[in-house]
Protein backbone atom coordinates (compact mmCIF):
# COMPACT_ATOMS: atom_id res chain seq x y z
CA MET A 1 0.00 0.00 0.00
CA LYS A 2 2.83 2.38 0.86
CA LYS A 3 4.52 1.61 -2.46
CA LEU A 4 1.31 2.40 -4.34
CA PHE A 5 0.95 5.70 -2.48
CA LEU A 6 4.58 6.57 -3.22
CA ILE A 7 4.21 5.70 -6.90
CA CYS A 8 1.06 7.84 -7.14
CA ALA A 9 2.76 10.76 -5.42
CA VAL A 10 5.80 10.57 -7.69
CA ALA A 11 3.54 10.30 -10.75
CA LEU A 12 1.63 13.38 -9.55
CA ILE A 13 4.88 15.30 -9.20
CA LEU A 14 6.07 14.25 -12.64
CA VAL A 15 2.77 15.15 -14.27
CA SER A 16 2.84 18.55 -12.63
CA CYS A 17 6.25 19.22 -14.20
CA THR A 18 5.02 18.76 -17.77
CA LYS A 19 3.96 21.67 -19.94
CA PRO A 20 0.19 21.76 -20.53
CA SER A 21 -1.07 21.65 -24.09
CA ASN A 22 -2.90 24.60 -25.66
CA ILE A 23 -6.06 22.56 -26.37
CA ASN A 24 -9.17 24.50 -25.35
CA GLU A 25 -7.07 27.46 -24.23
CA ASN A 26 -9.81 29.93 -25.07
CA ALA A 27 -12.48 27.81 -23.38
CA ASN A 28 -10.50 27.68 -20.13
CA LYS A 29 -10.01 31.45 -20.08
CA SER A 30 -13.68 32.22 -20.63
CA GLN A 31 -15.05 29.66 -18.14
CA GLY A 32 -12.65 30.29 -15.24
CA SER A 33 -11.25 26.78 -15.05
CA GLY A 34 -10.00 27.01 -11.45
CA ASP A 35 -6.42 26.19 -12.42
CA ALA A 36 -4.99 28.73 -9.97
CA ALA A 37 -6.94 27.25 -7.06
CA PHE A 38 -5.89 23.71 -7.99
CA LYS A 39 -2.24 24.76 -8.33
CA THR A 40 -2.29 26.31 -4.85
CA ILE A 41 -3.73 23.15 -3.29
CA HIS A 42 -1.41 20.93 -5.32
CA ASP A 43 1.71 22.85 -4.32
CA LYS A 44 0.79 22.74 -0.62
CA TYR A 45 0.16 18.99 -0.87
CA VAL A 46 3.47 18.27 -2.59
CA VAL A 47 5.50 20.35 -0.12
CA GLU A 48 3.81 18.70 2.87
CA PHE A 49 4.26 15.23 1.34
CA LEU A 50 7.97 15.89 0.84
CA ARG A 51 8.29 17.31 4.37
CA ARG A 52 6.72 14.16 5.87
CA ASN A 53 8.84 11.88 3.64
CA PRO A 54 12.35 13.33 3.89
CA THR A 55 14.01 10.46 2.01
CA VAL A 56 11.78 11.12 -1.01
CA ASN A 57 12.45 14.83 -0.59
CA THR A 58 16.20 14.27 -0.68
CA TYR A 59 16.30 12.11 -3.81
CA LEU A 60 13.79 14.28 -5.69
CA GLY A 61 15.58 17.50 -4.75
CA GLY A 62 12.66 19.04 -2.90
CA ALA A 63 14.81 21.92 -1.64
CA GLY A 64 14.91 23.15 -5.23
CA LEU A 65 11.11 23.20 -5.27
CA ASP A 66 10.68 24.96 -1.94
CA PRO A 67 13.53 26.39 0.16
CA SER A 68 11.75 25.43 3.40
CA LEU A 69 12.43 21.77 2.56
CA ARG A 70 16.19 22.22 3.07
CA GLU A 71 15.74 21.59 6.79
CA VAL A 72 14.55 18.00 6.15
CA ASP A 73 17.24 17.07 3.61
CA GLY A 74 19.25 14.09 4.76
CA THR A 75 16.95 13.21 7.65
CA LEU A 76 14.82 10.10 8.15
CA ARG A 77 11.07 9.90 8.60
CA ASP A 78 9.80 10.11 12.17
CA TYR A 79 7.86 6.92 12.93
CA SER A 80 7.11 7.80 16.54
CA PRO A 81 3.45 7.32 17.56
CA ALA A 82 2.98 11.07 17.99
CA ALA A 83 4.34 11.81 14.52
CA LEU A 84 2.23 9.10 12.90
CA GLU A 85 -0.88 10.37 14.67
CA GLN A 86 -0.25 13.89 13.41
């Protein structure tokens, strides 16, 4: 289950790095597609995921994505009951 979650998270990160196509560009502008709201939620999710999984953060170079992730580079995940509950 953890591997599936990790694969999905990495796939989400990779998909977010691709350049969107220009299909329906005019339709998105006129209908207010909500892309800005999604991007905000997406970015917060990715940063928090990388913060909670410092090994993934280190090998994906999360500090390049968000400078606040530098503090977790090279650390290991906290598996204490309090951390897992949070």
